[in-house]
């Protein structure tokens, strides 16, 4: 085997290469219907923009692998003056912080479709722990001894803690679940199953 073939073979056997290729292929395919859905909601936002007076997309700094900060994107569901955009905050019914369709977008997770762009850019994986804001990390690291394990991998659009727990469980439980799967290492079949389950749940809620 010559050097060129050997390098190609090593790249194919590299888990990081396989993971990145899977992310690009799956996120690229999902981006086609996702762009249609986002376009529909942008049109609805444009129609009510004079009343809402807010931007369509929300962008915020999150911590990625090795604590590297990046900008994460979502469809905005809350007022611009509400700082902690859905970061573990439980809103009361008919909250005045919500925008029209905000609750539906969050409950169905359609507000997270723009994060497919983060996956394509390499900021996130399709499967991984939830991304954290820097200020939230600073708070949690004082309370949880295993808080830093999640930064060995990229955050995910979906993850095992979300799959195995109800809404808003204690952070300690979610972190323990994420850390367990991080320590076990990547499992391609398992991750693809979780992606399929997430798509099914989104369609069911829609």
N, C-alpha and C. Protein backbone atom coordinates (compact mmCIF):
# COMPACT_ATOMS: atom_id res chain seq x y z
N UNK A 1 0.85 -1.20 0.00
CA UNK A 1 0.00 0.00 0.00
C UNK A 1 0.89 1.25 0.00
N UNK A 2 0.69 2.15 -0.96
CA UNK A 2 1.51 3.35 -1.01
C UNK A 2 1.06 4.35 0.05
N UNK A 3 1.86 5.42 0.19
CA UNK A 3 1.58 6.40 1.24
C UNK A 3 0.23 7.07 1.04
N UNK A 4 -0.12 7.36 -0.22
CA UNK A 4 -1.38 8.05 -0.50
C UNK A 4 -2.57 7.19 -0.10
N UNK A 5 -2.52 5.91 -0.46
CA UNK A 5 -3.61 4.99 -0.11
C UNK A 5 -3.67 4.78 1.39
N UNK A 6 -2.50 4.72 2.01
CA UNK A 6 -2.45 4.52 3.46
C UNK A 6 -3.09 5.69 4.19
N UNK A 7 -2.84 6.92 3.75
CA UNK A 7 -3.42 8.10 4.38
C UNK A 7 -4.93 8.12 4.19
N UNK A 8 -5.39 7.72 2.99
CA UNK A 8 -6.82 7.68 2.72
C UNK A 8 -7.49 6.65 3.63
N UNK A 9 -6.87 5.49 3.79
CA UNK A 9 -7.42 4.43 4.63
C UNK A 9 -7.48 4.88 6.10
N UNK A 10 -6.44 5.54 6.56
CA UNK A 10 -6.40 6.03 7.94
C UNK A 10 -7.50 7.06 8.19
N UNK A 11 -7.74 7.91 7.20
CA UNK A 11 -8.78 8.93 7.34
C UNK A 11 -10.15 8.29 7.46
N UNK A 12 -10.39 7.23 6.65
CA UNK A 12 -11.69 6.55 6.68
C UNK A 12 -11.91 5.85 8.02
N UNK A 13 -10.80 5.33 8.61
CA UNK A 13 -10.91 4.62 9.88
C UNK A 13 -10.93 5.57 11.08
N UNK A 14 -10.67 6.84 10.87
CA UNK A 14 -10.62 7.82 11.94
C UNK A 14 -12.03 8.14 12.44
N UNK A 15 -12.34 7.90 13.74
CA UNK A 15 -13.68 8.18 14.25
C UNK A 15 -14.10 9.63 14.07
N UNK A 16 -13.15 10.55 14.22
CA UNK A 16 -13.47 11.97 14.04
C UNK A 16 -13.87 12.26 12.61
N UNK A 17 -13.19 11.66 11.65
CA UNK A 17 -13.53 11.83 10.24
C UNK A 17 -14.91 11.27 9.94
N UNK A 18 -15.20 10.07 10.48
CA UNK A 18 -16.51 9.45 10.26
C UNK A 18 -17.62 10.29 10.87
N UNK A 19 -17.37 10.79 12.09
CA UNK A 19 -18.37 11.61 12.77
C UNK A 19 -18.65 12.90 12.01
N UNK A 20 -17.58 13.53 11.53
CA UNK A 20 -17.76 14.79 10.80
C UNK A 20 -18.48 14.55 9.48
N UNK A 21 -18.14 13.46 8.79
CA UNK A 21 -18.81 13.14 7.53
C UNK A 21 -20.29 12.87 7.76
N UNK A 22 -20.60 12.12 8.82
CA UNK A 22 -22.00 11.83 9.15
C UNK A 22 -22.76 13.11 9.46
N UNK A 23 -22.14 13.99 10.23
CA UNK A 23 -22.78 15.27 10.56
C UNK A 23 -23.10 16.08 9.30
N UNK A 24 -22.16 16.15 8.39
CA UNK A 24 -22.36 16.95 7.18
C UNK A 24 -23.45 16.35 6.31
N UNK A 25 -23.41 15.02 6.12
CA UNK A 25 -24.39 14.37 5.26
C UNK A 25 -25.81 14.48 5.82
N UNK A 26 -25.97 14.14 7.09
CA UNK A 26 -27.30 14.17 7.69
C UNK A 26 -27.81 15.60 7.84
N UNK A 27 -26.96 16.51 8.33
CA UNK A 27 -27.38 17.90 8.48
C UNK A 27 -27.68 18.53 7.13
N UNK A 28 -26.91 18.17 6.10
CA UNK A 28 -27.16 18.68 4.76
C UNK A 28 -28.51 18.24 4.24
N UNK A 29 -28.85 16.98 4.44
CA UNK A 29 -30.16 16.46 4.00
C UNK A 29 -31.30 17.11 4.78
N UNK A 30 -31.12 17.25 6.10
CA UNK A 30 -32.16 17.85 6.93
C UNK A 30 -32.33 19.34 6.64
N UNK A 31 -31.27 19.98 6.14
CA UNK A 31 -31.34 21.42 5.88
C UNK A 31 -32.31 21.76 4.75
N UNK A 32 -32.57 20.80 3.87
CA UNK A 32 -33.49 21.07 2.76
C UNK A 32 -34.92 21.29 3.26
N UNK A 33 -35.53 20.32 3.99
CA UNK A 33 -36.86 20.62 4.53
C UNK A 33 -36.83 21.68 5.62
N UNK A 34 -35.73 21.76 6.37
CA UNK A 34 -35.64 22.75 7.44
C UNK A 34 -35.69 24.17 6.89
N UNK A 35 -35.05 24.39 5.74
CA UNK A 35 -35.06 25.74 5.15
C UNK A 35 -36.47 26.15 4.74
N UNK A 36 -37.28 25.17 4.31
CA UNK A 36 -38.67 25.47 3.95
C UNK A 36 -39.45 25.88 5.20
N UNK A 37 -39.27 25.11 6.29
CA UNK A 37 -39.98 25.41 7.54
C UNK A 37 -39.56 26.76 8.09
N UNK A 38 -38.26 27.02 8.10
CA UNK A 38 -37.76 28.30 8.61
C UNK A 38 -38.29 29.44 7.73
N UNK A 39 -38.35 29.22 6.42
CA UNK A 39 -38.87 30.24 5.51
C UNK A 39 -40.33 30.56 5.80
N UNK A 40 -41.11 29.55 6.14
CA UNK A 40 -42.53 29.77 6.47
C UNK A 40 -42.65 30.63 7.73
N UNK A 41 -41.87 30.29 8.73
CA UNK A 41 -41.95 31.05 9.98
C UNK A 41 -41.37 32.46 9.81
N UNK A 42 -40.40 32.61 8.92
CA UNK A 42 -39.89 33.96 8.66
C UNK A 42 -40.98 34.81 7.99
N UNK A 43 -41.74 34.20 7.07
CA UNK A 43 -42.83 34.93 6.42
C UNK A 43 -43.88 35.35 7.44
N UNK A 44 -44.21 34.45 8.37
CA UNK A 44 -45.17 34.79 9.42
C UNK A 44 -44.62 35.90 10.31
N UNK A 45 -43.34 35.81 10.62
CA UNK A 45 -42.70 36.86 11.42
C UNK A 45 -42.75 38.20 10.70
N UNK A 46 -42.50 38.18 9.39
CA UNK A 46 -42.51 39.41 8.60
C UNK A 46 -43.89 40.06 8.63
N UNK A 47 -44.93 39.23 8.63
CA UNK A 47 -46.29 39.76 8.62
C UNK A 47 -46.66 40.45 9.93
N UNK A 48 -46.07 39.99 11.04
CA UNK A 48 -46.41 40.57 12.34
C UNK A 48 -45.27 41.42 12.89
N UNK A 49 -44.28 41.69 12.06
CA UNK A 49 -43.09 42.39 12.55
C UNK A 49 -43.41 43.76 13.13
N UNK A 50 -44.40 44.45 12.55
CA UNK A 50 -44.74 45.78 13.04
C UNK A 50 -45.26 45.73 14.47
N UNK A 51 -45.89 44.57 14.82
CA UNK A 51 -46.38 44.44 16.18
C UNK A 51 -45.26 43.96 17.13
N UNK A 52 -44.46 43.01 16.67
CA UNK A 52 -43.46 42.43 17.57
C UNK A 52 -42.19 43.26 17.69
N UNK A 53 -41.77 43.86 16.58
CA UNK A 53 -40.57 44.71 16.57
C UNK A 53 -39.35 43.98 17.13
N UNK A 54 -39.15 42.75 16.74
CA UNK A 54 -37.98 42.00 17.18
C UNK A 54 -37.36 41.31 15.97
N UNK A 55 -36.10 40.91 16.12
CA UNK A 55 -35.43 40.19 15.05
C UNK A 55 -35.94 38.76 14.98
N UNK A 56 -35.83 38.14 13.82
CA UNK A 56 -36.33 36.79 13.61
C UNK A 56 -35.43 35.75 14.29
N UNK A 57 -34.12 35.91 14.15
CA UNK A 57 -33.18 34.95 14.71
C UNK A 57 -32.59 35.45 16.03
N UNK A 58 -32.38 34.51 16.91
CA UNK A 58 -31.64 34.77 18.14
C UNK A 58 -30.23 34.19 17.98
N UNK A 59 -29.24 34.93 18.40
CA UNK A 59 -27.87 34.42 18.40
C UNK A 59 -27.26 34.67 19.76
N UNK A 60 -26.55 33.70 20.27
CA UNK A 60 -25.93 33.83 21.58
C UNK A 60 -24.66 33.02 21.67
N UNK A 61 -23.76 33.43 22.54
CA UNK A 61 -22.48 32.73 22.70
C UNK A 61 -22.69 31.48 23.55
N UNK A 62 -22.14 30.37 23.08
CA UNK A 62 -22.15 29.11 23.82
C UNK A 62 -20.72 28.56 23.87
N UNK A 63 -20.48 27.64 24.78
CA UNK A 63 -19.17 27.01 24.91
C UNK A 63 -19.18 25.67 24.18
N UNK A 64 -18.20 25.47 23.29
CA UNK A 64 -18.09 24.24 22.54
C UNK A 64 -17.03 23.32 23.12
N UNK A 65 -16.51 22.45 22.28
CA UNK A 65 -15.49 21.51 22.73
C UNK A 65 -14.24 22.28 23.18
N UNK A 66 -13.62 21.81 24.25
CA UNK A 66 -12.44 22.46 24.84
C UNK A 66 -12.72 23.90 25.25
N UNK A 67 -13.99 24.17 25.60
CA UNK A 67 -14.42 25.48 26.10
C UNK A 67 -14.34 26.58 25.04
N UNK A 68 -14.23 26.21 23.78
CA UNK A 68 -14.13 27.20 22.72
C UNK A 68 -15.50 27.86 22.49
N UNK A 69 -15.59 29.19 22.60
CA UNK A 69 -16.88 29.85 22.39
C UNK A 69 -17.27 29.90 20.91
N UNK A 70 -18.54 29.84 20.65
CA UNK A 70 -19.06 29.98 19.29
C UNK A 70 -20.44 30.63 19.37
N UNK A 71 -20.94 31.08 18.25
CA UNK A 71 -22.26 31.72 18.19
C UNK A 71 -23.31 30.71 17.74
N UNK A 72 -24.31 30.48 18.58
CA UNK A 72 -25.39 29.55 18.28
C UNK A 72 -26.61 30.31 17.80
N UNK A 73 -27.37 29.71 16.87
CA UNK A 73 -28.52 30.38 16.27
C UNK A 73 -29.81 29.62 16.56
N UNK A 74 -30.88 30.35 16.77
CA UNK A 74 -32.21 29.78 16.96
C UNK A 74 -33.23 30.74 16.37
N UNK A 75 -34.45 30.25 16.13
CA UNK A 75 -35.56 31.15 15.83
C UNK A 75 -35.97 31.79 17.15
N UNK A 76 -36.10 33.08 17.16
CA UNK A 76 -36.42 33.77 18.41
C UNK A 76 -37.84 33.42 18.85
N UNK A 77 -37.97 33.09 20.13
CA UNK A 77 -39.27 32.76 20.71
C UNK A 77 -39.67 33.69 21.85
N UNK A 78 -38.69 34.46 22.35
CA UNK A 78 -38.94 35.35 23.48
C UNK A 78 -38.53 36.77 23.11
N UNK A 79 -39.01 37.71 23.88
CA UNK A 79 -38.66 39.10 23.63
C UNK A 79 -37.16 39.31 23.69
N UNK A 80 -36.68 40.29 22.95
CA UNK A 80 -35.24 40.55 22.90
C UNK A 80 -34.69 41.03 24.24
N UNK A 81 -35.54 41.61 25.08
CA UNK A 81 -35.05 42.10 26.37
C UNK A 81 -35.05 41.01 27.44
N UNK A 82 -35.39 39.76 27.03
CA UNK A 82 -35.32 38.65 27.98
C UNK A 82 -34.00 37.93 27.77
N UNK A 83 -33.06 38.09 28.67
CA UNK A 83 -31.67 37.68 28.45
C UNK A 83 -31.50 36.17 28.38
N UNK A 84 -32.19 35.43 29.22
CA UNK A 84 -31.89 34.01 29.38
C UNK A 84 -32.74 33.15 28.46
N UNK A 85 -32.72 33.46 27.20
CA UNK A 85 -33.52 32.82 26.17
C UNK A 85 -33.58 31.30 26.33
N UNK A 86 -34.64 30.82 26.99
CA UNK A 86 -34.97 29.39 27.13
C UNK A 86 -33.84 28.56 27.75
N UNK A 87 -32.94 29.17 28.53
CA UNK A 87 -31.83 28.43 29.14
C UNK A 87 -32.30 27.87 30.48
N UNK A 88 -33.12 26.82 30.43
CA UNK A 88 -33.60 26.20 31.65
C UNK A 88 -34.67 27.00 32.36
N UNK A 89 -35.27 27.98 31.67
CA UNK A 89 -36.29 28.81 32.29
C UNK A 89 -37.66 28.25 31.96
N UNK A 90 -38.48 28.05 32.98
CA UNK A 90 -39.85 27.59 32.77
C UNK A 90 -40.77 28.79 32.83
N UNK A 91 -41.39 29.08 31.72
CA UNK A 91 -42.26 30.25 31.65
C UNK A 91 -43.68 29.88 32.07
N UNK A 92 -44.37 30.78 32.77
CA UNK A 92 -45.77 30.52 33.10
C UNK A 92 -46.63 30.61 31.84
N UNK A 93 -47.84 30.01 31.86
CA UNK A 93 -48.73 30.10 30.70
C UNK A 93 -49.02 31.55 30.35
N UNK A 94 -49.11 31.81 29.05
CA UNK A 94 -49.44 33.16 28.55
C UNK A 94 -48.45 34.21 29.05
N UNK A 95 -47.20 33.83 29.15
CA UNK A 95 -46.19 34.77 29.60
C UNK A 95 -46.05 35.91 28.60
N UNK A 96 -45.89 37.15 29.13
CA UNK A 96 -45.73 38.28 28.23
C UNK A 96 -44.34 38.33 27.64
N UNK A 97 -43.47 37.39 28.03
CA UNK A 97 -42.14 37.32 27.44
C UNK A 97 -42.15 36.58 26.11
N UNK A 98 -43.20 35.82 25.87
CA UNK A 98 -43.26 35.01 24.66
C UNK A 98 -43.71 35.83 23.46
N UNK A 99 -43.16 35.48 22.31
CA UNK A 99 -43.62 36.03 21.04
C UNK A 99 -44.73 35.14 20.50
N UNK A 100 -45.50 35.63 19.51
CA UNK A 100 -46.50 34.77 18.88
C UNK A 100 -45.85 33.49 18.34
N UNK A 101 -46.45 32.36 18.62
CA UNK A 101 -45.97 31.03 18.23
C UNK A 101 -44.71 30.61 18.99
N UNK A 102 -44.28 31.41 19.94
CA UNK A 102 -43.06 31.08 20.68
C UNK A 102 -43.14 29.76 21.41
N UNK A 103 -44.25 29.53 22.12
CA UNK A 103 -44.40 28.28 22.88
C UNK A 103 -44.44 27.08 21.93
N UNK A 104 -45.16 27.23 20.81
CA UNK A 104 -45.22 26.13 19.85
C UNK A 104 -43.84 25.80 19.29
N UNK A 105 -43.08 26.83 18.97
CA UNK A 105 -41.74 26.62 18.42
C UNK A 105 -40.83 25.91 19.40
N UNK A 106 -40.90 26.29 20.68
CA UNK A 106 -40.05 25.65 21.68
C UNK A 106 -40.51 24.23 21.97
N UNK A 107 -41.81 24.04 22.13
CA UNK A 107 -42.32 22.71 22.45
C UNK A 107 -42.03 21.70 21.34
N UNK A 108 -42.11 22.17 20.09
CA UNK A 108 -41.86 21.28 18.95
C UNK A 108 -40.38 21.21 18.59
N UNK A 109 -39.58 22.11 19.19
CA UNK A 109 -38.14 22.21 18.94
C UNK A 109 -37.83 22.71 17.53
N UNK A 110 -38.81 23.25 16.85
CA UNK A 110 -38.56 23.83 15.53
C UNK A 110 -37.70 25.09 15.64
N UNK A 111 -37.68 25.71 16.82
CA UNK A 111 -36.86 26.91 16.99
C UNK A 111 -35.38 26.60 16.87
N UNK A 112 -35.00 25.31 16.99
CA UNK A 112 -33.59 24.93 16.95
C UNK A 112 -33.11 24.54 15.55
N UNK A 113 -33.98 24.62 14.57
CA UNK A 113 -33.57 24.25 13.21
C UNK A 113 -32.37 25.03 12.69
N UNK A 114 -32.24 26.35 12.99
CA UNK A 114 -31.05 27.07 12.51
C UNK A 114 -29.73 26.50 13.03
N UNK A 115 -29.77 25.67 14.08
CA UNK A 115 -28.54 25.08 14.59
C UNK A 115 -27.95 24.04 13.63
N UNK A 116 -28.73 23.64 12.62
CA UNK A 116 -28.16 22.79 11.58
C UNK A 116 -26.98 23.51 10.91
N UNK A 117 -27.06 24.84 10.84
CA UNK A 117 -25.95 25.63 10.30
C UNK A 117 -24.73 25.50 11.19
N UNK A 118 -24.95 25.48 12.52
CA UNK A 118 -23.83 25.27 13.44
C UNK A 118 -23.20 23.90 13.25
N UNK A 119 -24.03 22.89 12.94
CA UNK A 119 -23.51 21.54 12.69
C UNK A 119 -22.66 21.54 11.42
N UNK A 120 -23.18 22.16 10.36
CA UNK A 120 -22.44 22.21 9.10
C UNK A 120 -21.13 22.98 9.24
N UNK A 121 -21.14 24.00 10.07
CA UNK A 121 -19.91 24.79 10.30
C UNK A 121 -18.89 24.05 11.14
N UNK A 122 -19.34 23.04 11.88
CA UNK A 122 -18.43 22.30 12.74
C UNK A 122 -18.43 22.77 14.18
N UNK A 123 -19.34 23.70 14.54
CA UNK A 123 -19.44 24.15 15.93
C UNK A 123 -20.07 23.08 16.82
N UNK A 124 -21.01 22.31 16.23
CA UNK A 124 -21.80 21.35 17.00
C UNK A 124 -21.84 20.01 16.28
N UNK A 125 -22.19 18.97 17.03
CA UNK A 125 -22.53 17.68 16.47
C UNK A 125 -24.04 17.54 16.42
N UNK A 126 -24.53 16.59 15.65
CA UNK A 126 -25.95 16.30 15.69
C UNK A 126 -26.35 15.73 17.05
N UNK A 127 -25.47 14.91 17.64
CA UNK A 127 -25.73 14.28 18.94
C UNK A 127 -24.64 14.69 19.92
N UNK A 128 -25.06 15.17 21.07
CA UNK A 128 -24.10 15.59 22.08
C UNK A 128 -24.81 16.27 23.23
N UNK A 129 -24.08 16.71 24.24
CA UNK A 129 -24.69 17.43 25.36
C UNK A 129 -25.20 18.79 24.95
N UNK A 130 -26.16 19.29 25.68
CA UNK A 130 -26.70 20.61 25.37
C UNK A 130 -25.62 21.67 25.54
N UNK A 131 -25.56 22.66 24.63
CA UNK A 131 -24.57 23.74 24.78
C UNK A 131 -24.91 24.63 25.96
N UNK A 132 -23.89 25.16 26.59
CA UNK A 132 -24.06 26.02 27.76
C UNK A 132 -23.56 27.43 27.47
N UNK A 133 -24.27 28.39 28.04
CA UNK A 133 -23.77 29.76 28.01
C UNK A 133 -22.63 29.88 29.01
N UNK A 134 -21.63 30.73 28.75
CA UNK A 134 -20.50 30.87 29.69
C UNK A 134 -20.93 31.19 31.11
N UNK A 135 -21.92 32.07 31.28
CA UNK A 135 -22.33 32.46 32.63
C UNK A 135 -22.99 31.28 33.34
N UNK A 136 -23.72 30.44 32.62
CA UNK A 136 -24.34 29.27 33.22
C UNK A 136 -23.27 28.25 33.64
N UNK A 137 -22.26 28.09 32.78
CA UNK A 137 -21.16 27.18 33.13
C UNK A 137 -20.47 27.63 34.42
N UNK A 138 -20.22 28.92 34.55
CA UNK A 138 -19.54 29.43 35.74
C UNK A 138 -20.35 29.14 36.99
N UNK A 139 -21.68 29.16 36.87
CA UNK A 139 -22.53 28.84 38.02
C UNK A 139 -22.50 27.35 38.33
N UNK A 140 -22.61 26.52 37.29
CA UNK A 140 -22.73 25.08 37.49
C UNK A 140 -21.43 24.43 37.95
N UNK A 141 -20.29 24.97 37.51
CA UNK A 141 -19.01 24.36 37.89
C UNK A 141 -18.76 24.46 39.39
N UNK A 142 -19.44 25.37 40.06
CA UNK A 142 -19.32 25.50 41.50
C UNK A 142 -20.18 24.47 42.22
N UNK A 143 -21.20 23.95 41.50
CA UNK A 143 -22.15 23.02 42.12
C UNK A 143 -21.89 21.57 41.74
N UNK A 144 -21.37 21.34 40.53
CA UNK A 144 -21.22 19.99 40.01
C UNK A 144 -19.75 19.67 39.75
N UNK A 145 -19.28 18.58 40.30
CA UNK A 145 -17.87 18.21 40.15
C UNK A 145 -17.57 17.66 38.76
N UNK A 146 -18.60 17.15 38.06
CA UNK A 146 -18.39 16.53 36.75
C UNK A 146 -18.80 17.44 35.60
N UNK A 147 -18.77 18.72 35.85
CA UNK A 147 -19.29 19.68 34.87
C UNK A 147 -18.42 19.77 33.62
N UNK A 148 -17.11 19.52 33.75
CA UNK A 148 -16.19 19.76 32.64
C UNK A 148 -16.13 18.61 31.64
N UNK A 149 -16.66 17.45 31.98
CA UNK A 149 -16.57 16.29 31.09
C UNK A 149 -17.22 16.57 29.74
N UNK A 150 -18.32 17.30 29.74
CA UNK A 150 -19.08 17.56 28.51
C UNK A 150 -18.27 18.34 27.48
N UNK A 151 -17.22 19.02 27.91
CA UNK A 151 -16.45 19.83 26.98
C UNK A 151 -15.35 19.03 26.27
N UNK A 152 -15.34 17.71 26.49
CA UNK A 152 -14.45 16.86 25.72
C UNK A 152 -15.00 16.59 24.33
N UNK A 153 -16.29 16.88 24.14
CA UNK A 153 -16.93 16.68 22.83
C UNK A 153 -17.68 17.95 22.44
N UNK A 154 -18.11 18.01 21.20
CA UNK A 154 -18.90 19.15 20.77
C UNK A 154 -20.33 19.02 21.29
N UNK A 155 -20.97 20.15 21.60
CA UNK A 155 -22.38 20.08 22.01
C UNK A 155 -23.23 19.59 20.85
N UNK A 156 -24.44 19.13 21.18
CA UNK A 156 -25.28 18.52 20.16
C UNK A 156 -26.62 19.19 19.97
N UNK A 157 -27.17 19.00 18.79
CA UNK A 157 -28.52 19.46 18.48
C UNK A 157 -29.55 18.64 19.25
N UNK A 158 -29.25 17.36 19.46
CA UNK A 158 -30.03 16.50 20.33
C UNK A 158 -29.06 15.68 21.16
N UNK A 159 -29.58 15.02 22.21
CA UNK A 159 -28.66 14.28 23.08
C UNK A 159 -29.38 13.25 23.92
N UNK A 160 -28.59 12.42 24.59
CA UNK A 160 -29.15 11.32 25.35
C UNK A 160 -29.86 11.78 26.62
N UNK A 161 -29.39 12.83 27.24
CA UNK A 161 -30.06 13.34 28.44
C UNK A 161 -31.47 13.80 28.09
N UNK A 162 -31.64 14.41 26.92
CA UNK A 162 -32.97 14.84 26.49
C UNK A 162 -33.85 13.65 26.17
N UNK A 163 -33.25 12.59 25.63
CA UNK A 163 -33.98 11.39 25.24
C UNK A 163 -34.46 10.61 26.46
N UNK A 164 -33.66 10.58 27.52
CA UNK A 164 -33.93 9.70 28.65
C UNK A 164 -34.57 10.39 29.85
N UNK A 165 -34.77 11.70 29.79
CA UNK A 165 -35.34 12.41 30.93
C UNK A 165 -36.54 13.24 30.51
N UNK A 166 -37.45 13.53 31.43
CA UNK A 166 -38.57 14.44 31.12
C UNK A 166 -38.06 15.87 31.04
N UNK A 167 -38.98 16.79 30.81
CA UNK A 167 -38.59 18.20 30.68
C UNK A 167 -38.07 18.74 32.00
N UNK A 168 -36.98 19.49 31.92
CA UNK A 168 -36.41 20.22 33.04
C UNK A 168 -36.10 19.34 34.26
N UNK A 169 -35.34 18.24 34.06
CA UNK A 169 -34.89 17.47 35.22
C UNK A 169 -33.74 18.21 35.91
N UNK A 170 -33.32 17.78 37.11
CA UNK A 170 -32.15 18.41 37.75
C UNK A 170 -30.93 18.32 36.85
N UNK A 171 -30.14 19.38 36.84
CA UNK A 171 -28.95 19.41 36.00
C UNK A 171 -28.01 18.25 36.33
N UNK A 172 -27.95 17.87 37.61
CA UNK A 172 -27.05 16.80 38.01
C UNK A 172 -27.37 15.50 37.27
N UNK A 173 -28.66 15.22 37.08
CA UNK A 173 -29.07 14.00 36.40
C UNK A 173 -28.71 14.07 34.92
N UNK A 174 -29.00 15.20 34.29
CA UNK A 174 -28.69 15.34 32.87
C UNK A 174 -27.18 15.24 32.62
N UNK A 175 -26.40 15.87 33.48
CA UNK A 175 -24.95 15.83 33.32
C UNK A 175 -24.43 14.41 33.49
N UNK A 176 -24.99 13.66 34.44
CA UNK A 176 -24.55 12.29 34.68
C UNK A 176 -24.83 11.41 33.46
N UNK A 177 -26.00 11.59 32.84
CA UNK A 177 -26.34 10.82 31.64
C UNK A 177 -25.42 11.18 30.49
N UNK A 178 -25.22 12.47 30.25
CA UNK A 178 -24.33 12.90 29.17
C UNK A 178 -22.91 12.38 29.38
N UNK A 179 -22.43 12.47 30.61
CA UNK A 179 -21.07 12.03 30.90
C UNK A 179 -20.90 10.53 30.68
N UNK A 180 -21.93 9.77 31.01
CA UNK A 180 -21.88 8.32 30.82
C UNK A 180 -21.66 7.98 29.35
N UNK A 181 -22.43 8.64 28.47
CA UNK A 181 -22.31 8.34 27.04
C UNK A 181 -21.03 8.93 26.44
N UNK A 182 -20.56 10.04 26.98
CA UNK A 182 -19.29 10.60 26.52
C UNK A 182 -18.15 9.64 26.86
N UNK A 183 -18.16 9.10 28.07
CA UNK A 183 -17.10 8.18 28.49
C UNK A 183 -17.15 6.86 27.72
N UNK A 184 -18.32 6.46 27.26
CA UNK A 184 -18.43 5.22 26.50
C UNK A 184 -17.88 5.38 25.08
N UNK A 185 -17.82 6.60 24.60
CA UNK A 185 -17.32 6.84 23.26
C UNK A 185 -18.44 6.79 22.22
N UNK A 186 -18.14 7.21 20.98
CA UNK A 186 -19.17 7.30 19.93
C UNK A 186 -19.65 5.91 19.51
N UNK A 187 -20.95 5.81 19.22
CA UNK A 187 -21.56 4.61 18.67
C UNK A 187 -22.45 5.06 17.52
N UNK A 188 -22.01 4.80 16.29
CA UNK A 188 -22.70 5.37 15.14
C UNK A 188 -24.15 4.92 15.05
N UNK A 189 -24.41 3.62 15.22
CA UNK A 189 -25.78 3.13 15.13
C UNK A 189 -26.67 3.73 16.19
N UNK A 190 -26.14 3.84 17.41
CA UNK A 190 -26.90 4.43 18.51
C UNK A 190 -27.22 5.89 18.24
N UNK A 191 -26.25 6.64 17.72
CA UNK A 191 -26.47 8.05 17.44
C UNK A 191 -27.50 8.24 16.33
N UNK A 192 -27.42 7.41 15.29
CA UNK A 192 -28.39 7.52 14.19
C UNK A 192 -29.80 7.21 14.67
N UNK A 193 -29.91 6.25 15.59
CA UNK A 193 -31.22 5.95 16.18
C UNK A 193 -31.77 7.17 16.91
N UNK A 194 -30.91 7.84 17.68
CA UNK A 194 -31.35 9.01 18.44
C UNK A 194 -31.76 10.15 17.51
N UNK A 195 -31.04 10.33 16.41
CA UNK A 195 -31.41 11.35 15.43
C UNK A 195 -32.79 11.02 14.85
N UNK A 196 -33.00 9.75 14.49
CA UNK A 196 -34.30 9.35 13.96
C UNK A 196 -35.41 9.54 14.97
N UNK A 197 -35.14 9.23 16.24
CA UNK A 197 -36.14 9.43 17.29
C UNK A 197 -36.49 10.91 17.44
N UNK A 198 -35.47 11.76 17.38
CA UNK A 198 -35.70 13.20 17.51
C UNK A 198 -36.58 13.72 16.38
N UNK A 199 -36.29 13.28 15.15
CA UNK A 199 -37.11 13.70 14.01
C UNK A 199 -38.55 13.23 14.20
N UNK A 200 -38.73 12.00 14.66
CA UNK A 200 -40.07 11.47 14.91
C UNK A 200 -40.81 12.30 15.93
N UNK A 201 -40.13 12.67 17.03
CA UNK A 201 -40.78 13.46 18.08
C UNK A 201 -41.15 14.84 17.58
N UNK A 202 -40.29 15.46 16.79
CA UNK A 202 -40.61 16.77 16.24
C UNK A 202 -41.84 16.70 15.36
N UNK A 203 -41.88 15.70 14.48
CA UNK A 203 -43.04 15.54 13.60
C UNK A 203 -44.31 15.26 14.40
N UNK A 204 -44.19 14.47 15.45
CA UNK A 204 -45.35 14.15 16.28
C UNK A 204 -45.90 15.41 16.94
N UNK A 205 -45.02 16.25 17.47
CA UNK A 205 -45.46 17.47 18.15
C UNK A 205 -46.02 18.49 17.17
N UNK A 206 -45.46 18.51 15.97
CA UNK A 206 -45.97 19.42 14.94
C UNK A 206 -47.38 18.99 14.51
